[in-house]
C-alpha atoms as a PDB file:
ATOM      1  CA  MET A   1      12.591  13.409  22.924  1.00  0.00           C
ATOM      2  CA  VAL A   2      16.153  14.697  22.821  1.00  0.00           C
ATOM      3  CA  HIS A   3      18.077  13.334  19.865  1.00  0.00           C
ATOM      4  CA  SER A   4      21.822  12.983  19.614  1.00  0.00           C
ATOM      5  CA  PRO A   5      23.703  15.541  17.527  1.00  0.00           C
ATOM      6  CA  ARG A   6      25.032  12.918  15.085  1.00  0.00           C
ATOM      7  CA  PHE A   7      21.548  11.529  14.468  1.00  0.00           C
ATOM      8  CA  LEU A   8      20.231  15.031  13.826  1.00  0.00           C
ATOM      9  CA  GLN A   9      23.128  15.675  11.441  1.00  0.00           C
ATOM     10  CA  VAL A  10      22.233  12.567   9.421  1.00  0.00           C
ATOM     11  CA  VAL A  11      18.563  13.592   9.348  1.00  0.00           C
ATOM     12  CA  GLU A  12      19.389  17.134   8.247  1.00  0.00           C
ATOM     13  CA  ASP A  13      21.588  15.726   5.481  1.00  0.00           C
ATOM     14  CA  ALA A  14      18.731  13.480   4.273  1.00  0.00           C
ATOM     15  CA  LYS A  15      16.336  16.428   4.341  1.00  0.00           C
ATOM     16  CA  THR A  16      18.500  18.206   1.760  1.00  0.00           C
ATOM     17  CA  ARG A  17      17.518  15.463  -0.732  1.00  0.00           C
ATOM     18  CA  ILE A  18      13.880  14.775   0.111  1.00  0.00           C
ATOM     19  CA  GLN A  19      10.630  16.705   0.083  1.00  0.00           C
ATOM     20  CA  GLU A  20       8.379  17.164   3.075  1.00  0.00           C
ATOM     21  CA  VAL A  21       4.625  17.664   3.102  1.00  0.00           C
ATOM     22  CA  THR A  22       2.385  18.942   5.861  1.00  0.00           C
ATOM     23  CA  VAL A  23      -0.648  17.278   7.370  1.00  0.00           C
ATOM     24  CA  GLU A  24      -2.752  19.860   5.522  1.00  0.00           C
ATOM     25  CA  ASP A  25      -1.105  18.846   2.218  1.00  0.00           C
ATOM     26  CA  VAL A  26      -2.030  15.207   2.876  1.00  0.00           C
ATOM     27  CA  LYS A  27      -5.586  16.183   3.813  1.00  0.00           C
ATOM     28  CA  ARG A  28      -5.985  18.184   0.594  1.00  0.00           C
ATOM     29  CA  SER A  29      -4.588  15.307  -1.468  1.00  0.00           C
ATOM     30  CA  ARG A  30      -6.920  12.793   0.144  1.00  0.00           C
ATOM     31  CA  ASP A  31      -9.937  15.104  -0.105  1.00  0.00           C
ATOM     32  CA  SER A  32      -9.289  15.561  -3.827  1.00  0.00           C
ATOM     33  CA  GLY A  33      -9.119  11.803  -4.336  1.00  0.00           C
ATOM     34  CA  GLU A  34      -5.433  11.759  -5.194  1.00  0.00           C
ATOM     35  CA  ASP A  35      -3.944   8.273  -5.123  1.00  0.00           C
ATOM     36  CA  LEU A  36      -1.333   8.130  -2.392  1.00  0.00           C
ATOM     37  CA  VAL A  37      -0.024   5.550   0.021  1.00  0.00           C
ATOM     38  CA  LEU A  38       0.419   6.713   3.610  1.00  0.00           C
ATOM     39  CA  ILE A  39       3.153   4.619   5.215  1.00  0.00           C
ATOM     40  CA  ASP A  40       3.838   4.426   8.941  1.00  0.00           C
ATOM     41  CA  THR A  41       7.568   3.830   9.428  1.00  0.00           C
ATOM     42  CA  ARG A  42       7.417   3.627  13.223  1.00  0.00           C
ATOM     43  CA  GLU A  43       8.190   0.552  15.302  1.00  0.00           C
ATOM     44  CA  GLU A  44       5.646  -2.253  15.551  1.00  0.00           C
ATOM     45  CA  SER A  45       4.781  -1.261  19.140  1.00  0.00           C
ATOM     46  CA  GLU A  46       4.065   2.321  18.051  1.00  0.00           C
ATOM     47  CA  TRP A  47       1.848   1.105  15.183  1.00  0.00           C
ATOM     48  CA  ALA A  48       0.022  -1.240  17.562  1.00  0.00           C
ATOM     49  CA  ALA A  49      -0.808   1.679  19.858  1.00  0.00           C
ATOM     50  CA  GLY A  50      -2.623   3.516  17.024  1.00  0.00           C
ATOM     51  CA  HIS A  51      -1.918   4.906  13.573  1.00  0.00           C
ATOM     52  CA  ALA A  52      -3.176   7.249  10.884  1.00  0.00           C
ATOM     53  CA  ALA A  53      -6.397   6.053   9.293  1.00  0.00           C
ATOM     54  CA  GLY A  54      -5.779   4.323   5.984  1.00  0.00           C
ATOM     55  CA  SER A  55      -2.053   3.925   6.490  1.00  0.00           C
ATOM     56  CA  ILE A  56       0.001   0.785   6.029  1.00  0.00           C
ATOM     57  CA  HIS A  57       2.865  -0.275   8.277  1.00  0.00           C
ATOM     58  CA  LEU A  58       6.378  -0.695   6.932  1.00  0.00           C
ATOM     59  CA  GLY A  59       8.719   0.013   9.821  1.00  0.00           C
ATOM     60  CA  LYS A  60      12.003   1.738   9.122  1.00  0.00           C
ATOM     61  CA  GLY A  61      13.843  -1.487   9.860  1.00  0.00           C
ATOM     62  CA  VAL A  62      12.120  -3.379   7.027  1.00  0.00           C
ATOM     63  CA  ILE A  63      10.842  -0.807   4.548  1.00  0.00           C
ATOM     64  CA  GLU A  64      13.696  -1.279   2.085  1.00  0.00           C
ATOM     65  CA  ARG A  65      13.190  -5.044   2.151  1.00  0.00           C
ATOM     66  CA  ASP A  66       9.397  -4.998   1.800  1.00  0.00           C
ATOM     67  CA  ILE A  67       8.471  -1.861  -0.181  1.00  0.00           C
ATOM     68  CA  GLU A  68       8.614  -3.498  -3.607  1.00  0.00           C
ATOM     69  CA  LYS A  69       6.093  -6.164  -2.532  1.00  0.00           C
ATOM     70  CA  GLN A  70       3.729  -3.608  -1.000  1.00  0.00           C
ATOM     71  CA  VAL A  71       4.141  -0.830  -3.582  1.00  0.00           C
ATOM     72  CA  PRO A  72       5.781  -2.098  -6.784  1.00  0.00           C
ATOM     73  CA  ASP A  73       4.981   1.093  -8.743  1.00  0.00           C
ATOM     74  CA  THR A  74       7.996   3.370  -8.207  1.00  0.00           C
ATOM     75  CA  SER A  75       6.048   6.397  -9.456  1.00  0.00           C
ATOM     76  CA  ARG A  76       3.174   6.064  -6.975  1.00  0.00           C
ATOM     77  CA  LYS A  77       2.939   8.863  -4.425  1.00  0.00           C
ATOM     78  CA  LEU A  78       4.213   7.734  -1.028  1.00  0.00           C
ATOM     79  CA  VAL A  79       3.909   9.788   2.156  1.00  0.00           C
ATOM     80  CA  LEU A  80       5.972   8.386   5.007  1.00  0.00           C
ATOM     81  CA  TYR A  81       5.531   9.307   8.641  1.00  0.00           C
ATOM     82  CA  CYS A  82       7.103   8.430  11.978  1.00  0.00           C
ATOM     83  CA  GLY A  83       6.828   9.994  15.411  1.00  0.00           C
ATOM     84  CA  GLY A  84       8.238  13.399  14.532  1.00  0.00           C
ATOM     85  CA  GLY A  85       9.438  13.292  10.928  1.00  0.00           C
ATOM     86  CA  PHE A  86      13.052  12.198  11.390  1.00  0.00           C
ATOM     87  CA  ARG A  87      12.965   8.460  10.703  1.00  0.00           C
ATOM     88  CA  SER A  88      10.565   9.019   7.826  1.00  0.00           C
ATOM     89  CA  ALA A  89      13.005  11.511   6.284  1.00  0.00           C
ATOM     90  CA  LEU A  90      15.751   8.890   6.427  1.00  0.00           C
ATOM     91  CA  ALA A  91      13.446   6.258   4.920  1.00  0.00           C
ATOM     92  CA  ALA A  92      12.319   8.658   2.160  1.00  0.00           C
ATOM     93  CA  ASP A  93      15.941   9.303   1.248  1.00  0.00           C
ATOM     94  CA  THR A  94      16.590   5.560   0.981  1.00  0.00           C
ATOM     95  CA  LEU A  95      13.466   4.902  -1.106  1.00  0.00           C
ATOM     96  CA  GLN A  96      14.552   7.598  -3.539  1.00  0.00           C
ATOM     97  CA  LYS A  97      17.897   5.817  -3.859  1.00  0.00           C
ATOM     98  CA  MET A  98      15.899   2.664  -4.683  1.00  0.00           C
ATOM     99  CA  GLY A  99      14.189   4.457  -7.574  1.00  0.00           C
ATOM    100  CA  TYR A 100      10.977   5.704  -5.963  1.00  0.00           C
ATOM    101  CA  CYS A 101      10.456   9.133  -7.479  1.00  0.00           C
ATOM    102  CA  ASN A 102       7.317  10.439  -5.751  1.00  0.00           C
ATOM    103  CA  VAL A 103       8.180  10.014  -2.079  1.00  0.00           C
ATOM    104  CA  TYR A 104       7.578  12.514   0.744  1.00  0.00           C
ATOM    105  CA  SER A 105       8.123  12.699   4.478  1.00  0.00           C
ATOM    106  CA  LEU A 106       5.361  14.067   6.683  1.00  0.00           C
ATOM    107  CA  ALA A 107       6.701  17.095   8.564  1.00  0.00           C
ATOM    108  CA  GLY A 108       6.038  16.657  12.270  1.00  0.00           C
ATOM    109  CA  GLY A 109       4.969  13.034  11.805  1.00  0.00           C
ATOM    110  CA  TRP A 110       2.480  11.300  14.068  1.00  0.00           C
ATOM    111  CA  ARG A 111       2.560  14.181  16.555  1.00  0.00           C
ATOM    112  CA  ALA A 112       1.505  16.674  13.870  1.00  0.00           C
ATOM    113  CA  TRP A 113      -1.169  14.238  12.626  1.00  0.00           C
ATOM    114  CA  ASN A 114      -2.681  14.049  16.109  1.00  0.00           C
ATOM    115  CA  GLN A 115      -2.380  17.777  16.780  1.00  0.00           C
ATOM    116  CA  ALA A 116      -4.353  18.403  13.569  1.00  0.00           C
ATOM    117  CA  GLN A 117      -6.987  15.941  14.836  1.00  0.00           C
ATOM    118  CA  MET A 118      -6.736  13.848  11.700  1.00  0.00           C
ATOM    119  CA  PRO A 119      -8.451  10.442  11.679  1.00  0.00           C
ATOM    120  CA  VAL A 120      -6.698   7.621  13.473  1.00  0.00           C
ATOM    121  CA  GLU A 121      -7.272   3.915  13.786  1.00  0.00           C
ATOM    122  CA  PRO A 122      -6.795   2.263  17.143  1.00  0.00           C
ATOM    123  CA  GLY A 123      -4.106  -0.339  17.293  1.00  0.00           C
ATOM    124  CA  GLU A 124      -4.239  -3.746  18.863  1.00  0.00           C
ATOM    125  CA  ASP A 125      -3.112  -2.259  22.184  1.00  0.00           C
ATOM    126  CA  SER A 126      -5.932   0.308  22.328  1.00  0.00           C
END
């Protein structure tokens, strides 16, 4: 997908304030039993087509509204992902502004997850 220059500028700005993790980082964390919440920030239709195993869905359009109900502990480790790591970077930046202090964006997003052949759950559309 080709993104507009202004969108990319906003994403790059957000990335100066957030931390990214790799799929391998998430795998290591999960394998060691670390408590983390994997959050899919993609659209409902993307989630319905399939998603990372064990993830929850809080789309970018509602994550700010619903995060406190789903994850009230602002110190809990959150790893956000989207299709390629851009929307999740924006959402991570916003969650940090809301007081979440252990939030990360998955570099490469869903595409990187699939390329690494990580476990997925089929969606309703599969």
